[in-house]
Structure formats: C-alpha cells, structure tokens
Amino acid sequence: MALEVRRQEHETTQSLLRRFSRRIQQSGIMVRARQVRYSERPKSKGARKRAALRKQELKKEYGRLEKLGETKE
C-alpha cells in the first residue's frame, strides 16, 4: 500500500509532516509494520519444555542460595 501526501501551496514543512504522520496513523501502516518487526516465531514443543525445565532448575538453585544467604541483592 502506497501512501502519498503532496505539499499544498504555502504549506510549511512542519504542517506537511504533521499531515503525513496523521495519514500514516489512520491508515494502520505503522501498526502492521510493528507487528511484522517484532513478531516471534512460535517455539516448538521441545524448546518450550527445555525452557520450562531450565526455569525450574534456576528457581531451585536460587532458593538454595537464598537459604544459605548467598544471593546478590
């Protein structure tokens, strides 16, 4: 989708940019661009399982260190 904004007669650069920004916001181009930019691929079942196990291990280790008073603040 192409968006074009032409400068009107006696229009300042600031008002042209403001008008362009408003058109971009209304068209939804920025929303779609952010969705594409920050989208993440879904993790596989094995990767999710490994991550969950690692989190449990770290939690256990942190609890052990906390009991010994060796945690960093």
PDB file of N, CA and C in Angstrom:
ATOM      1  N   MET A   1       0.848  -1.169   0.000  1.00  0.00           N
ATOM      2  CA  MET A   1       0.000   0.000   0.000  1.00  0.00           C
ATOM      3  C   MET A   1       0.895   1.234   0.000  1.00  0.00           C
ATOM      4  N   ALA A   2       0.690   2.083  -0.968  1.00  0.00           N
ATOM      5  CA  ALA A   2       1.494   3.304  -1.068  1.00  0.00           C
ATOM      6  C   ALA A   2       0.685   4.478  -0.531  1.00  0.00           C
ATOM      7  N   LEU A   3       1.347   5.304   0.213  1.00  0.00           N
ATOM      8  CA  LEU A   3       0.699   6.480   0.774  1.00  0.00           C
ATOM      9  C   LEU A   3       1.440   7.704   0.248  1.00  0.00           C
ATOM     10  N   GLU A   4       0.713   8.619  -0.328  1.00  0.00           N
ATOM     11  CA  GLU A   4       1.343   9.789  -0.919  1.00  0.00           C
ATOM     12  C   GLU A   4       0.673  11.051  -0.388  1.00  0.00           C
ATOM     13  N   VAL A   5       1.493  11.993   0.037  1.00  0.00           N
ATOM     14  CA  VAL A   5       0.991  13.278   0.514  1.00  0.00           C
ATOM     15  C   VAL A   5       1.762  14.348  -0.238  1.00  0.00           C
ATOM     16  N   ARG A   6       1.055  15.178  -0.951  1.00  0.00           N
ATOM     17  CA  ARG A   6       1.710  16.231  -1.717  1.00  0.00           C
ATOM     18  C   ARG A   6       1.633  17.550  -0.971  1.00  0.00           C
ATOM     19  N   ARG A   7       2.668  18.331  -1.133  1.00  0.00           N
ATOM     20  CA  ARG A   7       2.736  19.631  -0.466  1.00  0.00           C
ATOM     21  C   ARG A   7       1.736  20.592  -1.104  1.00  0.00           C
ATOM     22  N   GLN A   8       0.950  21.216  -0.253  1.00  0.00           N
ATOM     23  CA  GLN A   8      -0.018  22.191  -0.739  1.00  0.00           C
ATOM     24  C   GLN A   8       0.651  23.551  -0.869  1.00  0.00           C
ATOM     25  N   GLU A   9       0.005  24.418  -1.594  1.00  0.00           N
ATOM     26  CA  GLU A   9       0.553  25.752  -1.811  1.00  0.00           C
ATOM     27  C   GLU A   9       0.637  26.507  -0.478  1.00  0.00           C
ATOM     28  N   HIS A  10       1.773  27.116  -0.205  1.00  0.00           N
ATOM     29  CA  HIS A  10       2.031  27.894   1.009  1.00  0.00           C
ATOM     30  C   HIS A  10       1.953  27.045   2.282  1.00  0.00           C
ATOM     31  N   GLU A  11       2.287  25.779   2.169  1.00  0.00           N
ATOM     32  CA  GLU A  11       2.257  24.899   3.347  1.00  0.00           C
ATOM     33  C   GLU A  11       3.668  24.763   3.904  1.00  0.00           C
ATOM     34  N   THR A  12       3.787  24.860   5.214  1.00  0.00           N
ATOM     35  CA  THR A  12       5.105  24.710   5.831  1.00  0.00           C
ATOM     36  C   THR A  12       5.498  23.236   5.881  1.00  0.00           C
ATOM     37  N   THR A  13       6.781  23.005   6.050  1.00  0.00           N
ATOM     38  CA  THR A  13       7.290  21.637   6.132  1.00  0.00           C
ATOM     39  C   THR A  13       6.729  20.931   7.360  1.00  0.00           C
ATOM     40  N   GLN A  14       6.603  21.665   8.458  1.00  0.00           N
ATOM     41  CA  GLN A  14       6.075  21.069   9.690  1.00  0.00           C
ATOM     42  C   GLN A  14       4.635  20.607   9.519  1.00  0.00           C
ATOM     43  N   SER A  15       3.808  21.433   8.884  1.00  0.00           N
ATOM     44  CA  SER A  15       2.412  21.036   8.708  1.00  0.00           C
ATOM     45  C   SER A  15       2.307  19.870   7.722  1.00  0.00           C
ATOM     46  N   LEU A  16       3.200  19.826   6.734  1.00  0.00           N
ATOM     47  CA  LEU A  16       3.219  18.703   5.794  1.00  0.00           C
ATOM     48  C   LEU A  16       3.573  17.415   6.532  1.00  0.00           C
ATOM     49  N   LEU A  17       4.585  17.464   7.401  1.00  0.00           N
ATOM     50  CA  LEU A  17       4.966  16.283   8.183  1.00  0.00           C
ATOM     51  C   LEU A  17       3.845  15.853   9.125  1.00  0.00           C
ATOM     52  N   ARG A  18       3.188  16.826   9.743  1.00  0.00           N
ATOM     53  CA  ARG A  18       2.087  16.523  10.650  1.00  0.00           C
ATOM     54  C   ARG A  18       0.944  15.828   9.892  1.00  0.00           C
ATOM     55  N   ARG A  19       0.645  16.353   8.702  1.00  0.00           N
ATOM     56  CA  ARG A  19      -0.417  15.761   7.881  1.00  0.00           C
ATOM     57  C   ARG A  19      -0.026  14.347   7.437  1.00  0.00           C
ATOM     58  N   PHE A  20       1.229  14.171   7.057  1.00  0.00           N
ATOM     59  CA  PHE A  20       1.718  12.858   6.649  1.00  0.00           C
ATOM     60  C   PHE A  20       1.633  11.863   7.811  1.00  0.00           C
ATOM     61  N   SER A  21       2.074  12.299   8.991  1.00  0.00           N
ATOM     62  CA  SER A  21       2.039  11.427  10.175  1.00  0.00           C
ATOM     63  C   SER A  21       0.612  11.006  10.498  1.00  0.00           C
ATOM     64  N   ARG A  22      -0.305  11.943  10.412  1.00  0.00           N
ATOM     65  CA  ARG A  22      -1.705  11.641  10.692  1.00  0.00           C
ATOM     66  C   ARG A  22      -2.251  10.609   9.705  1.00  0.00           C
ATOM     67  N   ARG A  23      -1.898  10.764   8.434  1.00  0.00           N
ATOM     68  CA  ARG A  23      -2.366   9.816   7.410  1.00  0.00           C
ATOM     69  C   ARG A  23      -1.787   8.420   7.656  1.00  0.00           C
ATOM     70  N   ILE A  24      -0.530   8.373   8.065  1.00  0.00           N
ATOM     71  CA  ILE A  24       0.113   7.087   8.375  1.00  0.00           C
ATOM     72  C   ILE A  24      -0.622   6.412   9.531  1.00  0.00           C
ATOM     73  N   GLN A  25      -0.910   7.168  10.584  1.00  0.00           N
ATOM     74  CA  GLN A  25      -1.603   6.616  11.753  1.00  0.00           C
ATOM     75  C   GLN A  25      -2.987   6.104  11.367  1.00  0.00           C
ATOM     76  N   GLN A  26      -3.719   6.862  10.594  1.00  0.00           N
ATOM     77  CA  GLN A  26      -5.086   6.490  10.223  1.00  0.00           C
ATOM     78  C   GLN A  26      -5.121   5.282   9.304  1.00  0.00           C
ATOM     79  N   SER A  27      -4.093   5.120   8.469  1.00  0.00           N
ATOM     80  CA  SER A  27      -4.092   4.010   7.521  1.00  0.00           C
ATOM     81  C   SER A  27      -3.739   2.681   8.184  1.00  0.00           C
ATOM     82  N   GLY A  28      -3.082   2.728   9.349  1.00  0.00           N
ATOM     83  CA  GLY A  28      -2.718   1.489  10.043  1.00  0.00           C
ATOM     84  C   GLY A  28      -1.413   0.890   9.565  1.00  0.00           C
ATOM     85  N   ILE A  29      -0.661   1.625   8.768  1.00  0.00           N
ATOM     86  CA  ILE A  29       0.608   1.117   8.240  1.00  0.00           C
ATOM     87  C   ILE A  29       1.607   0.868   9.371  1.00  0.00           C
ATOM     88  N   MET A  30       1.683   1.798  10.318  1.00  0.00           N
ATOM     89  CA  MET A  30       2.643   1.651  11.411  1.00  0.00           C
ATOM     90  C   MET A  30       2.319   0.451  12.293  1.00  0.00           C
ATOM     91  N   VAL A  31       1.046   0.215  12.528  1.00  0.00           N
ATOM     92  CA  VAL A  31       0.644  -0.934  13.362  1.00  0.00           C
ATOM     93  C   VAL A  31       1.100  -2.223  12.698  1.00  0.00           C
ATOM     94  N   ARG A  32       0.848  -2.341  11.394  1.00  0.00           N
ATOM     95  CA  ARG A  32       1.254  -3.555  10.682  1.00  0.00           C
ATOM     96  C   ARG A  32       2.778  -3.686  10.639  1.00  0.00           C
ATOM     97  N   ALA A  33       3.484  -2.585  10.466  1.00  0.00           N
ATOM     98  CA  ALA A  33       4.950  -2.626  10.411  1.00  0.00           C
ATOM     99  C   ALA A  33       5.523  -3.098  11.743  1.00  0.00           C
ATOM    100  N   ARG A  34       4.959  -2.611  12.845  1.00  0.00           N
ATOM    101  CA  ARG A  34       5.441  -3.045  14.165  1.00  0.00           C
ATOM    102  C   ARG A  34       5.148  -4.525  14.401  1.00  0.00           C
ATOM    103  N   GLN A  35       3.980  -4.985  13.947  1.00  0.00           N
ATOM    104  CA  GLN A  35       3.645  -6.393  14.122  1.00  0.00           C
ATOM    105  C   GLN A  35       4.642  -7.274  13.378  1.00  0.00           C
ATOM    106  N   VAL A  36       5.013  -6.864  12.186  1.00  0.00           N
ATOM    107  CA  VAL A  36       5.965  -7.649  11.397  1.00  0.00           C
ATOM    108  C   VAL A  36       7.353  -7.580  12.019  1.00  0.00           C
ATOM    109  N   ARG A  37       7.744  -6.392  12.467  1.00  0.00           N
ATOM    110  CA  ARG A  37       9.087  -6.201  13.007  1.00  0.00           C
ATOM    111  C   ARG A  37       9.309  -6.980  14.290  1.00  0.00           C
ATOM    112  N   TYR A  38       8.331  -6.989  15.180  1.00  0.00           N
ATOM    113  CA  TYR A  38       8.516  -7.597  16.496  1.00  0.00           C
ATOM    114  C   TYR A  38       7.860  -8.970  16.638  1.00  0.00           C
ATOM    115  N   SER A  39       7.409  -9.556  15.547  1.00  0.00           N
ATOM    116  CA  SER A  39       6.775 -10.865  15.661  1.00  0.00           C
ATOM    117  C   SER A  39       7.836 -11.925  15.920  1.00  0.00           C
ATOM    118  N   GLU A  40       7.468 -12.910  16.703  1.00  0.00           N
ATOM    119  CA  GLU A  40       8.380 -14.005  17.012  1.00  0.00           C
ATOM    120  C   GLU A  40       7.776 -15.314  16.525  1.00  0.00           C
ATOM    121  N   ARG A  41       8.633 -16.180  16.056  1.00  0.00           N
ATOM    122  CA  ARG A  41       8.157 -17.476  15.611  1.00  0.00           C
ATOM    123  C   ARG A  41       7.769 -18.300  16.835  1.00  0.00           C
ATOM    124  N   PRO A  42       6.700 -19.064  16.742  1.00  0.00           N
ATOM    125  CA  PRO A  42       6.311 -19.893  17.889  1.00  0.00           C
ATOM    126  C   PRO A  42       7.360 -20.974  18.154  1.00  0.00           C
ATOM    127  N   LYS A  43       7.632 -21.217  19.438  1.00  0.00           N
ATOM    128  CA  LYS A  43       8.633 -22.212  19.808  1.00  0.00           C
ATOM    129  C   LYS A  43       8.051 -23.614  19.658  1.00  0.00           C
ATOM    130  N   SER A  44       8.923 -24.552  19.365  1.00  0.00           N
ATOM    131  CA  SER A  44       8.491 -25.941  19.250  1.00  0.00           C
ATOM    132  C   SER A  44       8.193 -26.496  20.645  1.00  0.00           C
ATOM    133  N   LYS A  45       7.513 -27.615  20.681  1.00  0.00           N
ATOM    134  CA  LYS A  45       7.138 -28.229  21.954  1.00  0.00           C
ATOM    135  C   LYS A  45       8.383 -28.571  22.772  1.00  0.00           C
ATOM    136  N   GLY A  46       9.413 -29.095  22.122  1.00  0.00           N
ATOM    137  CA  GLY A  46      10.652 -29.455  22.815  1.00  0.00           C
ATOM    138  C   GLY A  46      11.356 -28.240  23.399  1.00  0.00           C
ATOM    139  N   ALA A  47      11.363 -27.158  22.640  1.00  0.00           N
ATOM    140  CA  ALA A  47      12.031 -25.939  23.120  1.00  0.00           C
ATOM    141  C   ALA A  47      11.286 -25.362  24.320  1.00  0.00           C
ATOM    142  N   ARG A  48       9.960 -25.388  24.274  1.00  0.00           N
ATOM    143  CA  ARG A  48       9.173 -24.902  25.412  1.00  0.00           C
ATOM    144  C   ARG A  48       9.434 -25.751  26.649  1.00  0.00           C
ATOM    145  N   LYS A  49       9.531 -27.054  26.442  1.00  0.00           N
ATOM    146  CA  LYS A  49       9.761 -27.973  27.557  1.00  0.00           C
ATOM    147  C   LYS A  49      11.146 -27.734  28.172  1.00  0.00           C
ATOM    148  N   ARG A  50      12.166 -27.566  27.312  1.00  0.00           N
ATOM    149  CA  ARG A  50      13.523 -27.302  27.811  1.00  0.00           C
ATOM    150  C   ARG A  50      13.569 -25.989  28.583  1.00  0.00           C
ATOM    151  N   ALA A  51      12.879 -24.979  28.077  1.00  0.00           N
ATOM    152  CA  ALA A  51      12.873 -23.672  28.747  1.00  0.00           C
ATOM    153  C   ALA A  51      12.198 -23.782  30.115  1.00  0.00           C
ATOM    154  N   ALA A  52      11.098 -24.549  30.181  1.00  0.00           N
ATOM    155  CA  ALA A  52      10.393 -24.717  31.449  1.00  0.00           C
ATOM    156  C   ALA A  52      11.264 -25.470  32.460  1.00  0.00           C
ATOM    157  N   LEU A  53      11.955 -26.499  32.001  1.00  0.00           N
ATOM    158  CA  LEU A  53      12.842 -27.261  32.895  1.00  0.00           C
ATOM    159  C   LEU A  53      13.989 -26.391  33.387  1.00  0.00           C
ATOM    160  N   ARG A  54      14.548 -25.598  32.503  1.00  0.00           N
ATOM    161  CA  ARG A  54      15.648 -24.701  32.895  1.00  0.00           C
ATOM    162  C   ARG A  54      15.162 -23.689  33.929  1.00  0.00           C
ATOM    163  N   LYS A  55      13.960 -23.172  33.742  1.00  0.00           N
ATOM    164  CA  LYS A  55      13.401 -22.208  34.691  1.00  0.00           C
ATOM    165  C   LYS A  55      13.219 -22.853  36.063  1.00  0.00           C
ATOM    166  N   GLN A  56      12.747 -24.100  36.086  1.00  0.00           N
ATOM    167  CA  GLN A  56      12.585 -24.819  37.356  1.00  0.00           C
ATOM    168  C   GLN A  56      13.931 -25.010  38.048  1.00  0.00           C
ATOM    169  N   GLU A  57      14.948 -25.390  37.259  1.00  0.00           N
ATOM    170  CA  GLU A  57      16.285 -25.596  37.817  1.00  0.00           C
ATOM    171  C   GLU A  57      16.819 -24.308  38.432  1.00  0.00           C
ATOM    172  N   LEU A  58      16.678 -23.187  37.710  1.00  0.00           N
ATOM    173  CA  LEU A  58      17.173 -21.912  38.215  1.00  0.00           C
ATOM    174  C   LEU A  58      16.430 -21.480  39.474  1.00  0.00           C
ATOM    175  N   LYS A  59      15.132 -21.738  39.503  1.00  0.00           N
ATOM    176  CA  LYS A  59      14.330 -21.385  40.672  1.00  0.00           C
ATOM    177  C   LYS A  59      14.787 -22.185  41.890  1.00  0.00           C
ATOM    178  N   LYS A  60      15.041 -23.462  41.665  1.00  0.00           N
ATOM    179  CA  LYS A  60      15.513 -24.336  42.745  1.00  0.00           C
ATOM    180  C   LYS A  60      16.870 -23.869  43.269  1.00  0.00           C
ATOM    181  N   GLU A  61      17.768 -23.555  42.333  1.00  0.00           N
ATOM    182  CA  GLU A  61      19.107 -23.098  42.697  1.00  0.00           C
ATOM    183  C   GLU A  61      19.045 -21.767  43.441  1.00  0.00           C
ATOM    184  N   TYR A  62      18.199 -20.878  42.997  1.00  0.00           N
ATOM    185  CA  TYR A  62      18.052 -19.585  43.665  1.00  0.00           C
ATOM    186  C   TYR A  62      17.522 -19.776  45.084  1.00  0.00           C
ATOM    187  N   GLY A  63      16.550 -20.674  45.240  1.00  0.00           N
ATOM    188  CA  GLY A  63      16.010 -20.968  46.569  1.00  0.00           C
ATOM    189  C   GLY A  63      17.071 -21.514  47.502  1.00  0.00           C
ATOM    190  N   ARG A  64      17.925 -22.384  46.973  1.00  0.00           N
ATOM    191  CA  ARG A  64      19.010 -22.962  47.765  1.00  0.00           C
ATOM    192  C   ARG A  64      19.990 -21.879  48.200  1.00  0.00           C
ATOM    193  N   LEU A  65      20.366 -21.005  47.259  1.00  0.00           N
ATOM    194  CA  LEU A  65      21.308 -19.928  47.582  1.00  0.00           C
ATOM    195  C   LEU A  65      20.695 -18.934  48.560  1.00  0.00           C
ATOM    196  N   GLU A  66      19.396 -18.714  48.443  1.00  0.00           N
ATOM    197  CA  GLU A  66      18.718 -17.784  49.334  1.00  0.00           C
ATOM    198  C   GLU A  66      18.744 -18.311  50.775  1.00  0.00           C
ATOM    199  N   LYS A  67      18.561 -19.616  50.925  1.00  0.00           N
ATOM    200  CA  LYS A  67      18.593 -20.222  52.257  1.00  0.00           C
ATOM    201  C   LYS A  67      19.986 -20.094  52.876  1.00  0.00           C
ATOM    202  N   LEU A  68      21.007 -20.177  52.013  1.00  0.00           N
ATOM    203  CA  LEU A  68      22.379 -20.069  52.510  1.00  0.00           C
ATOM    204  C   LEU A  68      22.814 -18.624  52.689  1.00  0.00           C
ATOM    205  N   GLY A  69      21.982 -17.690  52.228  1.00  0.00           N
ATOM    206  CA  GLY A  69      22.310 -16.273  52.353  1.00  0.00           C
ATOM    207  C   GLY A  69      23.365 -15.810  51.363  1.00  0.00           C
ATOM    208  N   GLU A  70      23.453 -16.474  50.210  1.00  0.00           N
ATOM    209  CA  GLU A  70      24.478 -16.160  49.243  1.00  0.00           C
ATOM    210  C   GLU A  70      23.925 -15.465  47.995  1.00  0.00           C
ATOM    211  N   THR A  71      22.720 -14.960  48.057  1.00  0.00           N
ATOM    212  CA  THR A  71      22.149 -14.290  46.882  1.00  0.00           C
ATOM    213  C   THR A  71      22.638 -12.853  46.803  1.00  0.00           C
ATOM    214  N   LYS A  72      22.700 -12.348  45.581  1.00  0.00           N
ATOM    215  CA  LYS A  72      23.097 -10.963  45.358  1.00  0.00           C
ATOM    216  C   LYS A  72      21.860 -10.093  45.439  1.00  0.00           C
ATOM    217  N   GLU A  73      22.029  -8.905  45.971  1.00  0.00           N
ATOM    218  CA  GLU A  73      20.880  -8.004  46.078  1.00  0.00           C
ATOM    219  C   GLU A  73      20.867  -6.992  44.984  1.00  0.00           C
TER     220      GLU A  73
END
